[in-house]
Structure formats: structure tokens, C-alpha cells
Amino acid sequence: MKDYVHKIVSPASYGCNLCAITYSSTGMKDEWKVFIEHLAVPIRFFHRDEFVENYGNMEPSFPCGYIETENGLELFISSEEMNKLNNIKELKTLVRTKINGILD
């Protein structure tokens, strides 16, 4: 509820750029939901505390994206890259570019 109110009252100061881009006040944006459902790789999202619970304290800067490989987690999208994004279109382009770089 707190996040919902924060997005409505002060969207520019919302703490997570990934959430600000991919969620509206009513939940995940349909455009993003459809995009991630059709990716060639499985995807999961974690809040900071959930990430630490699952992977330990790796001291990542959030928001970010990791890919799970046979060697463990590897940074996929840095927080710097994530925080430069302005909209879903830019995010989708970045994700596609990164995935294509891995699959090629």
C-alpha cells in the first residue's frame, strides 16, 4: 500500500526505477507482462530482501538484473543501465539486446 501511495503522490521520487517503469498504480503494466511472458529465457523478480534471502548478500546495487549460469549469478543489467531508462520501450530494447548477446 505504501508503494502504491508513493507512486501516486510522488512518482518522480519513487525509489526503484524498474518498478516505476513497469508498474502502474494498479499493478504490472500489460505491455511489460506480455513482453516477459514471451522472452526466450525464464525470468524472476525479487525485492532487495527477497534477493538476499535467495542468494545471500552479494552487495548488488539495485535495481539490476542477473542471469543464472552454471558458474552462478552474473550481472546482466547494471543498476546504472537500469536507472538511465525512461520507459518500457527502452527497457525492452535493453533486455532484447542483452539476451541476443548471450544467445548468439
PDB file of N, CA and C in Angstrom:
ATOM      1  N   MET A   1       0.823  -1.185   0.000  1.00  0.00           N
ATOM      2  CA  MET A   1       0.000   0.000   0.000  1.00  0.00           C
ATOM      3  C   MET A   1       0.869   1.251   0.000  1.00  0.00           C
ATOM      4  N   LYS A   2       1.957   1.222   0.768  1.00  0.00           N
ATOM      5  CA  LYS A   2       2.850   2.366   0.836  1.00  0.00           C
ATOM      6  C   LYS A   2       3.413   2.686  -0.550  1.00  0.00           C
ATOM      7  N   ASP A   3       3.851   1.651  -1.303  1.00  0.00           N
ATOM      8  CA  ASP A   3       4.381   1.868  -2.643  1.00  0.00           C
ATOM      9  C   ASP A   3       3.326   2.453  -3.564  1.00  0.00           C
ATOM     10  N   TYR A   4       2.114   1.974  -3.450  1.00  0.00           N
ATOM     11  CA  TYR A   4       1.004   2.464  -4.263  1.00  0.00           C
ATOM     12  C   TYR A   4       0.812   3.962  -4.047  1.00  0.00           C
ATOM     13  N   VAL A   5       0.761   4.375  -2.800  1.00  0.00           N
ATOM     14  CA  VAL A   5       0.562   5.790  -2.470  1.00  0.00           C
ATOM     15  C   VAL A   5       1.758   6.605  -2.934  1.00  0.00           C
ATOM     16  N   HIS A   6       2.956   6.106  -2.734  1.00  0.00           N
ATOM     17  CA  HIS A   6       4.162   6.821  -3.137  1.00  0.00           C
ATOM     18  C   HIS A   6       4.155   7.080  -4.642  1.00  0.00           C
ATOM     19  N   LYS A   7       3.798   6.087  -5.440  1.00  0.00           N
ATOM     20  CA  LYS A   7       3.760   6.257  -6.894  1.00  0.00           C
ATOM     21  C   LYS A   7       2.756   7.319  -7.310  1.00  0.00           C
ATOM     22  N   ILE A   8       1.652   7.403  -6.610  1.00  0.00           N
ATOM     23  CA  ILE A   8       0.612   8.369  -6.960  1.00  0.00           C
ATOM     24  C   ILE A   8       1.016   9.775  -6.525  1.00  0.00           C
ATOM     25  N   VAL A   9       1.486   9.903  -5.293  1.00  0.00           N
ATOM     26  CA  VAL A   9       1.780  11.214  -4.723  1.00  0.00           C
ATOM     27  C   VAL A   9       3.075  11.798  -5.272  1.00  0.00           C
ATOM     28  N   SER A  10       4.105  10.978  -5.420  1.00  0.00           N
ATOM     29  CA  SER A  10       5.421  11.483  -5.817  1.00  0.00           C
ATOM     30  C   SER A  10       6.140  10.497  -6.733  1.00  0.00           C
ATOM     31  N   PRO A  11       5.644  10.304  -7.952  1.00  0.00           N
ATOM     32  CA  PRO A  11       6.234   9.294  -8.826  1.00  0.00           C
ATOM     33  C   PRO A  11       7.694   9.562  -9.185  1.00  0.00           C
ATOM     34  N   ALA A  12       8.100  10.820  -9.272  1.00  0.00           N
ATOM     35  CA  ALA A  12       9.479  11.141  -9.652  1.00  0.00           C
ATOM     36  C   ALA A  12      10.484  10.719  -8.591  1.00  0.00           C
ATOM     37  N   SER A  13      10.051  10.605  -7.351  1.00  0.00           N
ATOM     38  CA  SER A  13      10.981  10.242  -6.276  1.00  0.00           C
ATOM     39  C   SER A  13      10.867   8.769  -5.887  1.00  0.00           C
ATOM     40  N   TYR A  14      10.158   7.976  -6.683  1.00  0.00           N
ATOM     41  CA  TYR A  14      10.000   6.558  -6.363  1.00  0.00           C
ATOM     42  C   TYR A  14      11.363   5.885  -6.383  1.00  0.00           C
ATOM     43  N   GLY A  15      11.659   5.059  -5.402  1.00  0.00           N
ATOM     44  CA  GLY A  15      12.995   4.518  -5.175  1.00  0.00           C
ATOM     45  C   GLY A  15      13.503   3.490  -6.160  1.00  0.00           C
ATOM     46  N   CYS A  16      12.657   2.828  -6.907  1.00  0.00           N
ATOM     47  CA  CYS A  16      13.103   1.777  -7.822  1.00  0.00           C
ATOM     48  C   CYS A  16      12.659   2.121  -9.239  1.00  0.00           C
ATOM     49  N   ASN A  17      13.631   2.428 -10.091  1.00  0.00           N
ATOM     50  CA  ASN A  17      13.298   2.807 -11.453  1.00  0.00           C
ATOM     51  C   ASN A  17      12.641   1.664 -12.223  1.00  0.00           C
ATOM     52  N   LEU A  18      13.060   0.435 -11.964  1.00  0.00           N
ATOM     53  CA  LEU A  18      12.444  -0.708 -12.646  1.00  0.00           C
ATOM     54  C   LEU A  18      10.962  -0.798 -12.308  1.00  0.00           C
ATOM     55  N   CYS A  19      10.637  -0.667 -11.034  1.00  0.00           N
ATOM     56  CA  CYS A  19       9.228  -0.708 -10.616  1.00  0.00           C
ATOM     57  C   CYS A  19       8.463   0.490 -11.167  1.00  0.00           C
ATOM     58  N   ALA A  20       9.092   1.649 -11.148  1.00  0.00           N
ATOM     59  CA  ALA A  20       8.435   2.857 -11.642  1.00  0.00           C
ATOM     60  C   ALA A  20       8.075   2.727 -13.119  1.00  0.00           C
ATOM     61  N   ILE A  21       8.936   2.059 -13.885  1.00  0.00           N
ATOM     62  CA  ILE A  21       8.708   1.889 -15.321  1.00  0.00           C
ATOM     63  C   ILE A  21       7.702   0.780 -15.609  1.00  0.00           C
ATOM     64  N   THR A  22       7.752  -0.301 -14.871  1.00  0.00           N
ATOM     65  CA  THR A  22       6.977  -1.495 -15.226  1.00  0.00           C
ATOM     66  C   THR A  22       5.659  -1.654 -14.485  1.00  0.00           C
ATOM     67  N   TYR A  23       5.433  -0.828 -13.473  1.00  0.00           N
ATOM     68  CA  TYR A  23       4.194  -0.920 -12.694  1.00  0.00           C
ATOM     69  C   TYR A  23       3.443   0.394 -12.716  1.00  0.00           C
ATOM     70  N   SER A  24       2.134   0.291 -12.734  1.00  0.00           N
ATOM     71  CA  SER A  24       1.267   1.453 -12.562  1.00  0.00           C
ATOM     72  C   SER A  24       0.685   1.367 -11.158  1.00  0.00           C
ATOM     73  N   SER A  25      -0.197   2.258 -10.851  1.00  0.00           N
ATOM     74  CA  SER A  25      -0.824   2.236  -9.527  1.00  0.00           C
ATOM     75  C   SER A  25      -1.727   1.013  -9.344  1.00  0.00           C
ATOM     76  N   THR A  26      -2.054   0.323 -10.437  1.00  0.00           N
ATOM     77  CA  THR A  26      -2.941  -0.837 -10.345  1.00  0.00           C
ATOM     78  C   THR A  26      -2.228  -2.175 -10.538  1.00  0.00           C
ATOM     79  N   GLY A  27      -0.915  -2.157 -10.726  1.00  0.00           N
ATOM     80  CA  GLY A  27      -0.170  -3.399 -10.885  1.00  0.00           C
ATOM     81  C   GLY A  27       0.754  -3.362 -12.084  1.00  0.00           C
ATOM     82  N   MET A  28       1.278  -4.541 -12.454  1.00  0.00           N
ATOM     83  CA  MET A  28       2.209  -4.626 -13.568  1.00  0.00           C
ATOM     84  C   MET A  28       1.533  -4.169 -14.856  1.00  0.00           C
ATOM     85  N   LYS A  29       2.244  -3.361 -15.623  1.00  0.00           N
ATOM     86  CA  LYS A  29       1.710  -2.867 -16.890  1.00  0.00           C
ATOM     87  C   LYS A  29       1.606  -4.025 -17.880  1.00  0.00           C
ATOM     88  N   ASP A  30       0.496  -4.054 -18.616  1.00  0.00           N
ATOM     89  CA  ASP A  30       0.235  -5.143 -19.558  1.00  0.00           C
ATOM     90  C   ASP A  30       1.348  -5.302 -20.587  1.00  0.00           C
ATOM     91  N   GLU A  31       1.870  -4.200 -21.097  1.00  0.00           N
ATOM     92  CA  GLU A  31       2.925  -4.266 -22.112  1.00  0.00           C
ATOM     93  C   GLU A  31       4.148  -5.019 -21.581  1.00  0.00           C
ATOM     94  N   TRP A  32       4.514  -4.769 -20.344  1.00  0.00           N
ATOM     95  CA  TRP A  32       5.666  -5.437 -19.734  1.00  0.00           C
ATOM     96  C   TRP A  32       5.346  -6.905 -19.448  1.00  0.00           C
ATOM     97  N   LYS A  33       4.155  -7.156 -18.949  1.00  0.00           N
ATOM     98  CA  LYS A  33       3.742  -8.530 -18.638  1.00  0.00           C
ATOM     99  C   LYS A  33       3.795  -9.406 -19.888  1.00  0.00           C
ATOM    100  N   VAL A  34       3.271  -8.925 -20.992  1.00  0.00           N
ATOM    101  CA  VAL A  34       3.277  -9.682 -22.247  1.00  0.00           C
ATOM    102  C   VAL A  34       4.715  -9.890 -22.717  1.00  0.00           C
ATOM    103  N   PHE A  35       5.532  -8.857 -22.613  1.00  0.00           N
ATOM    104  CA  PHE A  35       6.929  -8.950 -23.041  1.00  0.00           C
ATOM    105  C   PHE A  35       7.674 -10.043 -22.278  1.00  0.00           C
ATOM    106  N   ILE A  36       7.593 -10.038 -20.959  1.00  0.00           N
ATOM    107  CA  ILE A  36       8.362 -11.028 -20.189  1.00  0.00           C
ATOM    108  C   ILE A  36       7.804 -12.442 -20.349  1.00  0.00           C
ATOM    109  N   GLU A  37       6.507 -12.550 -20.627  1.00  0.00           N
ATOM    110  CA  GLU A  37       5.923 -13.876 -20.864  1.00  0.00           C
ATOM    111  C   GLU A  37       6.454 -14.510 -22.143  1.00  0.00           C
ATOM    112  N   HIS A  38       6.905 -13.683 -23.097  1.00  0.00           N
ATOM    113  CA  HIS A  38       7.360 -14.187 -24.389  1.00  0.00           C
ATOM    114  C   HIS A  38       8.880 -14.185 -24.545  1.00  0.00           C
ATOM    115  N   LEU A  39       9.608 -13.944 -23.481  1.00  0.00           N
ATOM    116  CA  LEU A  39      11.070 -13.993 -23.556  1.00  0.00           C
ATOM    117  C   LEU A  39      11.544 -15.426 -23.757  1.00  0.00           C
ATOM    118  N   ALA A  40      12.712 -15.563 -24.362  1.00  0.00           N
ATOM    119  CA  ALA A  40      13.282 -16.888 -24.628  1.00  0.00           C
ATOM    120  C   ALA A  40      13.929 -17.496 -23.390  1.00  0.00           C
ATOM    121  N   VAL A  41      13.960 -16.752 -22.299  1.00  0.00           N
ATOM    122  CA  VAL A  41      14.565 -17.230 -21.051  1.00  0.00           C
ATOM    123  C   VAL A  41      13.584 -17.006 -19.905  1.00  0.00           C
ATOM    124  N   PRO A  42      13.627 -17.881 -18.896  1.00  0.00           N
ATOM    125  CA  PRO A  42      12.749 -17.662 -17.735  1.00  0.00           C
ATOM    126  C   PRO A  42      13.214 -16.435 -16.949  1.00  0.00           C
ATOM    127  N   ILE A  43      12.280 -15.762 -16.320  1.00  0.00           N
ATOM    128  CA  ILE A  43      12.603 -14.540 -15.595  1.00  0.00           C
ATOM    129  C   ILE A  43      11.888 -14.534 -14.251  1.00  0.00           C
ATOM    130  N   ARG A  44      12.582 -14.067 -13.228  1.00  0.00           N
ATOM    131  CA  ARG A  44      12.007 -13.915 -11.891  1.00  0.00           C
ATOM    132  C   ARG A  44      12.409 -12.548 -11.359  1.00  0.00           C
ATOM    133  N   PHE A  45      11.559 -11.971 -10.550  1.00  0.00           N
ATOM    134  CA  PHE A  45      11.835 -10.672  -9.949  1.00  0.00           C
ATOM    135  C   PHE A  45      11.882 -10.811  -8.443  1.00  0.00           C
ATOM    136  N   PHE A  46      12.814 -10.103  -7.822  1.00  0.00           N
ATOM    137  CA  PHE A  46      12.959 -10.107  -6.368  1.00  0.00           C
ATOM    138  C   PHE A  46      13.073  -8.675  -5.862  1.00  0.00           C
ATOM    139  N   HIS A  47      12.459  -8.412  -4.725  1.00  0.00           N
ATOM    140  CA  HIS A  47      12.768  -7.189  -3.998  1.00  0.00           C
ATOM    141  C   HIS A  47      14.107  -7.422  -3.309  1.00  0.00           C
ATOM    142  N   ARG A  48      14.731  -6.361  -2.814  1.00  0.00           N
ATOM    143  CA  ARG A  48      16.052  -6.483  -2.175  1.00  0.00           C
ATOM    144  C   ARG A  48      16.099  -7.596  -1.132  1.00  0.00           C
ATOM    145  N   ASP A  49      15.145  -7.570  -0.205  1.00  0.00           N
ATOM    146  CA  ASP A  49      15.162  -8.551   0.884  1.00  0.00           C
ATOM    147  C   ASP A  49      14.985  -9.974   0.361  1.00  0.00           C
ATOM    148  N   GLU A  50      14.169 -10.146  -0.663  1.00  0.00           N
ATOM    149  CA  GLU A  50      13.961 -11.471  -1.249  1.00  0.00           C
ATOM    150  C   GLU A  50      15.222 -11.954  -1.962  1.00  0.00           C
ATOM    151  N   PHE A  51      15.906 -11.030  -2.615  1.00  0.00           N
ATOM    152  CA  PHE A  51      17.143 -11.375  -3.306  1.00  0.00           C
ATOM    153  C   PHE A  51      18.175 -11.893  -2.306  1.00  0.00           C
ATOM    154  N   VAL A  52      18.355 -11.166  -1.214  1.00  0.00           N
ATOM    155  CA  VAL A  52      19.316 -11.562  -0.179  1.00  0.00           C
ATOM    156  C   VAL A  52      18.923 -12.907   0.419  1.00  0.00           C
ATOM    157  N   GLU A  53      17.631 -13.117   0.646  1.00  0.00           N
ATOM    158  CA  GLU A  53      17.142 -14.399   1.167  1.00  0.00           C
ATOM    159  C   GLU A  53      17.522 -15.561   0.258  1.00  0.00           C
ATOM    160  N   ASN A  54      17.417 -15.351  -1.049  1.00  0.00           N
ATOM    161  CA  ASN A  54      17.658 -16.413  -2.019  1.00  0.00           C
ATOM    162  C   ASN A  54      19.122 -16.573  -2.415  1.00  0.00           C
ATOM    163  N   TYR A  55      19.867 -15.478  -2.443  1.00  0.00           N
ATOM    164  CA  TYR A  55      21.226 -15.528  -2.983  1.00  0.00           C
ATOM    165  C   TYR A  55      22.307 -15.030  -2.033  1.00  0.00           C
ATOM    166  N   GLY A  56      21.930 -14.602  -0.855  1.00  0.00           N
ATOM    167  CA  GLY A  56      22.912 -14.069   0.078  1.00  0.00           C
ATOM    168  C   GLY A  56      23.198 -12.605  -0.215  1.00  0.00           C
ATOM    169  N   ASN A  57      23.993 -12.017   0.613  1.00  0.00           N
ATOM    170  CA  ASN A  57      24.294 -10.596   0.463  1.00  0.00           C
ATOM    171  C   ASN A  57      25.483 -10.413  -0.472  1.00  0.00           C
ATOM    172  N   MET A  58      25.202 -10.260  -1.753  1.00  0.00           N
ATOM    173  CA  MET A  58      26.243 -10.068  -2.759  1.00  0.00           C
ATOM    174  C   MET A  58      26.584  -8.592  -2.915  1.00  0.00           C
ATOM    175  N   GLU A  59      25.922  -7.753  -2.160  1.00  0.00           N
ATOM    176  CA  GLU A  59      26.083  -6.302  -2.204  1.00  0.00           C
ATOM    177  C   GLU A  59      25.818  -5.717  -3.586  1.00  0.00           C
ATOM    178  N   PRO A  60      24.774  -6.167  -4.253  1.00  0.00           N
ATOM    179  CA  PRO A  60      24.461  -5.564  -5.548  1.00  0.00           C
ATOM    180  C   PRO A  60      23.829  -4.197  -5.359  1.00  0.00           C
ATOM    181  N   SER A  61      23.934  -3.395  -6.376  1.00  0.00           N
ATOM    182  CA  SER A  61      23.256  -2.111  -6.398  1.00  0.00           C
ATOM    183  C   SER A  61      21.947  -2.333  -7.152  1.00  0.00           C
ATOM    184  N   PHE A  62      20.852  -1.905  -6.597  1.00  0.00           N
ATOM    185  CA  PHE A  62      19.530  -2.145  -7.193  1.00  0.00           C
ATOM    186  C   PHE A  62      18.984  -0.885  -7.835  1.00  0.00           C
ATOM    187  N   PRO A  63      18.105  -1.026  -8.797  1.00  0.00           N
ATOM    188  CA  PRO A  63      17.647  -2.248  -9.462  1.00  0.00           C
ATOM    189  C   PRO A  63      18.719  -2.755 -10.425  1.00  0.00           C
ATOM    190  N   CYS A  64      18.728  -4.031 -10.639  1.00  0.00           N
ATOM    191  CA  CYS A  64      19.688  -4.648 -11.544  1.00  0.00           C
ATOM    192  C   CYS A  64      19.111  -5.970 -12.029  1.00  0.00           C
ATOM    193  N   GLY A  65      19.795  -6.581 -12.962  1.00  0.00           N
ATOM    194  CA  GLY A  65      19.366  -7.876 -13.453  1.00  0.00           C
ATOM    195  C   GLY A  65      20.538  -8.832 -13.488  1.00  0.00           C
ATOM    196  N   TYR A  66      20.296 -10.050 -13.074  1.00  0.00           N
ATOM    197  CA  TYR A  66      21.317 -11.093 -13.108  1.00  0.00           C
ATOM    198  C   TYR A  66      20.838 -12.229 -13.988  1.00  0.00           C
ATOM    199  N   ILE A  67      21.788 -12.952 -14.521  1.00  0.00           N
ATOM    200  CA  ILE A  67      21.475 -14.176 -15.242  1.00  0.00           C
ATOM    201  C   ILE A  67      22.131 -15.319 -14.473  1.00  0.00           C
ATOM    202  N   GLU A  68      21.400 -16.400 -14.341  1.00  0.00           N
ATOM    203  CA  GLU A  68      21.919 -17.559 -13.617  1.00  0.00           C
ATOM    204  C   GLU A  68      22.593 -18.494 -14.613  1.00  0.00           C
ATOM    205  N   THR A  69      23.881 -18.737 -14.405  1.00  0.00           N
ATOM    206  CA  THR A  69      24.649 -19.619 -15.279  1.00  0.00           C
ATOM    207  C   THR A  69      25.174 -20.792 -14.460  1.00  0.00           C
ATOM    208  N   GLU A  70      25.873 -21.691 -15.118  1.00  0.00           N
ATOM    209  CA  GLU A  70      26.466 -22.813 -14.383  1.00  0.00           C
ATOM    210  C   GLU A  70      27.530 -22.342 -13.396  1.00  0.00           C
ATOM    211  N   ASN A  71      28.026 -21.117 -13.574  1.00  0.00           N
ATOM    212  CA  ASN A  71      29.015 -20.546 -12.655  1.00  0.00           C
ATOM    213  C   ASN A  71      28.369 -19.721 -11.552  1.00  0.00           C
ATOM    214  N   GLY A  72      27.060 -19.683 -11.506  1.00  0.00           N
ATOM    215  CA  GLY A  72      26.350 -18.868 -10.518  1.00  0.00           C
ATOM    216  C   GLY A  72      25.717 -17.650 -11.165  1.00  0.00           C
ATOM    217  N   LEU A  73      25.473 -16.636 -10.375  1.00  0.00           N
ATOM    218  CA  LEU A  73      24.854 -15.419 -10.895  1.00  0.00           C
ATOM    219  C   LEU A  73      25.891 -14.515 -11.535  1.00  0.00           C
ATOM    220  N   GLU A  74      25.520 -13.944 -12.683  1.00  0.00           N
ATOM    221  CA  GLU A  74      26.369 -12.969 -13.359  1.00  0.00           C
ATOM    222  C   GLU A  74      25.518 -11.752 -13.661  1.00  0.00           C
ATOM    223  N   LEU A  75      26.118 -10.577 -13.478  1.00  0.00           N
ATOM    224  CA  LEU A  75      25.396  -9.337 -13.734  1.00  0.00           C
ATOM    225  C   LEU A  75      24.974  -9.281 -15.192  1.00  0.00           C
ATOM    226  N   PHE A  76      23.721  -8.995 -15.421  1.00  0.00           N
ATOM    227  CA  PHE A  76      23.111  -8.972 -16.751  1.00  0.00           C
ATOM    228  C   PHE A  76      22.813  -7.530 -17.155  1.00  0.00           C
ATOM    229  N   ILE A  77      22.197  -6.790 -16.244  1.00  0.00           N
ATOM    230  CA  ILE A  77      21.909  -5.366 -16.441  1.00  0.00           C
ATOM    231  C   ILE A  77      22.276  -4.655 -15.149  1.00  0.00           C
ATOM    232  N   SER A  78      23.177  -3.699 -15.245  1.00  0.00           N
ATOM    233  CA  SER A  78      23.636  -2.986 -14.050  1.00  0.00           C
ATOM    234  C   SER A  78      22.592  -1.974 -13.584  1.00  0.00           C
ATOM    235  N   SER A  79      22.730  -1.546 -12.353  1.00  0.00           N
ATOM    236  CA  SER A  79      21.817  -0.524 -11.836  1.00  0.00           C
ATOM    237  C   SER A  79      22.005   0.786 -12.593  1.00  0.00           C
ATOM    238  N   GLU A  80      23.229   1.071 -13.038  1.00  0.00           N
ATOM    239  CA  GLU A  80      23.462   2.287 -13.820  1.00  0.00           C
ATOM    240  C   GLU A  80      22.664   2.245 -15.117  1.00  0.00           C
ATOM    241  N   GLU A  81      22.700   1.092 -15.799  1.00  0.00           N
ATOM    242  CA  GLU A  81      21.922   0.939 -17.032  1.00  0.00           C
ATOM    243  C   GLU A  81      20.428   1.051 -16.734  1.00  0.00           C
ATOM    244  N   MET A  82      19.995   0.373 -15.691  1.00  0.00           N
ATOM    245  CA  MET A  82      18.577   0.349 -15.331  1.00  0.00           C
ATOM    246  C   MET A  82      18.075   1.749 -14.983  1.00  0.00           C
ATOM    247  N   ASN A  83      18.889   2.506 -14.265  1.00  0.00           N
ATOM    248  CA  ASN A  83      18.449   3.827 -13.815  1.00  0.00           C
ATOM    249  C   ASN A  83      18.475   4.885 -14.909  1.00  0.00           C
ATOM    250  N   LYS A  84      19.085   4.588 -16.053  1.00  0.00           N
ATOM    251  CA  LYS A  84      19.075   5.516 -17.190  1.00  0.00           C
ATOM    252  C   LYS A  84      17.804   5.380 -18.026  1.00  0.00           C
ATOM    253  N   LEU A  85      17.072   4.306 -17.814  1.00  0.00           N
ATOM    254  CA  LEU A  85      15.880   4.031 -18.619  1.00  0.00           C
ATOM    255  C   LEU A  85      14.746   4.980 -18.265  1.00  0.00           C
ATOM    256  N   ASN A  86      13.987   5.361 -19.293  1.00  0.00           N
ATOM    257  CA  ASN A  86      12.869   6.285 -19.101  1.00  0.00           C
ATOM    258  C   ASN A  86      11.506   5.657 -19.306  1.00  0.00           C
ATOM    259  N   ASN A  87      11.460   4.498 -19.970  1.00  0.00           N
ATOM    260  CA  ASN A  87      10.161   3.913 -20.288  1.00  0.00           C
ATOM    261  C   ASN A  87      10.312   2.430 -20.631  1.00  0.00           C
ATOM    262  N   ILE A  88       9.188   1.777 -20.811  1.00  0.00           N
ATOM    263  CA  ILE A  88       9.187   0.337 -21.111  1.00  0.00           C
ATOM    264  C   ILE A  88       9.859   0.050 -22.447  1.00  0.00           C
ATOM    265  N   LYS A  89       9.672   0.910 -23.424  1.00  0.00           N
ATOM    266  CA  LYS A  89      10.283   0.688 -24.737  1.00  0.00           C
ATOM    267  C   LYS A  89      11.804   0.587 -24.609  1.00  0.00           C
ATOM    268  N   GLU A  90      12.409   1.503 -23.857  1.00  0.00           N
ATOM    269  CA  GLU A  90      13.860   1.467 -23.654  1.00  0.00           C
ATOM    270  C   GLU A  90      14.271   0.210 -22.889  1.00  0.00           C
ATOM    271  N   LEU A  91      13.498  -0.168 -21.897  1.00  0.00           N
ATOM    272  CA  LEU A  91      13.793  -1.368 -21.111  1.00  0.00           C
ATOM    273  C   LEU A  91      13.719  -2.613 -21.986  1.00  0.00           C
ATOM    274  N   LYS A  92      12.689  -2.716 -22.800  1.00  0.00           N
ATOM    275  CA  LYS A  92      12.540  -3.869 -23.684  1.00  0.00           C
ATOM    276  C   LYS A  92      13.712  -3.958 -24.661  1.00  0.00           C
ATOM    277  N   THR A  93      14.128  -2.826 -25.200  1.00  0.00           N
ATOM    278  CA  THR A  93      15.263  -2.802 -26.124  1.00  0.00           C
ATOM    279  C   THR A  93      16.530  -3.279 -25.429  1.00  0.00           C
ATOM    280  N   LEU A  94      16.769  -2.800 -24.219  1.00  0.00           N
ATOM    281  CA  LEU A  94      17.950  -3.208 -23.458  1.00  0.00           C
ATOM    282  C   LEU A  94      17.922  -4.706 -23.166  1.00  0.00           C
ATOM    283  N   VAL A  95      16.795  -5.213 -22.718  1.00  0.00           N
ATOM    284  CA  VAL A  95      16.682  -6.639 -22.399  1.00  0.00           C
ATOM    285  C   VAL A  95      16.901  -7.485 -23.653  1.00  0.00           C
ATOM    286  N   ARG A  96      16.281  -7.100 -24.761  1.00  0.00           N
ATOM    287  CA  ARG A  96      16.463  -7.853 -26.016  1.00  0.00           C
ATOM    288  C   ARG A  96      17.930  -7.868 -26.437  1.00  0.00           C
ATOM    289  N   THR A  97      18.576  -6.707 -26.369  1.00  0.00           N
ATOM    290  CA  THR A  97      19.984  -6.593 -26.751  1.00  0.00           C
ATOM    291  C   THR A  97      20.854  -7.498 -25.892  1.00  0.00           C
ATOM    292  N   LYS A  98      20.624  -7.483 -24.593  1.00  0.00           N
ATOM    293  CA  LYS A  98      21.420  -8.301 -23.675  1.00  0.00           C
ATOM    294  C   LYS A  98      21.173  -9.792 -23.917  1.00  0.00           C
ATOM    295  N   ILE A  99      19.925 -10.180 -24.105  1.00  0.00           N
ATOM    296  CA  ILE A  99      19.607 -11.595 -24.351  1.00  0.00           C
ATOM    297  C   ILE A  99      20.211 -12.050 -25.668  1.00  0.00           C
ATOM    298  N   ASN A 100      20.092 -11.231 -26.707  1.00  0.00           N
ATOM    299  CA  ASN A 100      20.670 -11.597 -28.001  1.00  0.00           C
ATOM    300  C   ASN A 100      22.180 -11.768 -27.904  1.00  0.00           C
ATOM    301  N   GLY A 101      22.836 -10.946 -27.081  1.00  0.00           N
ATOM    302  CA  GLY A 101      24.276 -11.071 -26.880  1.00  0.00           C
ATOM    303  C   GLY A 101      24.658 -12.380 -26.219  1.00  0.00           C
ATOM    304  N   ILE A 102      23.791 -12.892 -25.384  1.00  0.00           N
ATOM    305  CA  ILE A 102      24.052 -14.156 -24.690  1.00  0.00           C
ATOM    306  C   ILE A 102      23.740 -15.348 -25.586  1.00  0.00           C
ATOM    307  N   LEU A 103      22.644 -15.261 -26.330  1.00  0.00           N
ATOM    308  CA  LEU A 103      22.194 -16.392 -27.144  1.00  0.00           C
ATOM    309  C   LEU A 103      22.974 -16.547 -28.444  1.00  0.00           C
ATOM    310  N   ASP A 104      23.651 -15.484 -28.874  1.00  0.00           N
ATOM    311  CA  ASP A 104      24.422 -15.567 -30.134  1.00  0.00           C
ATOM    312  C   ASP A 104      25.670 -16.392 -29.990  1.00  0.00           C
TER     313      ASP A 104
END
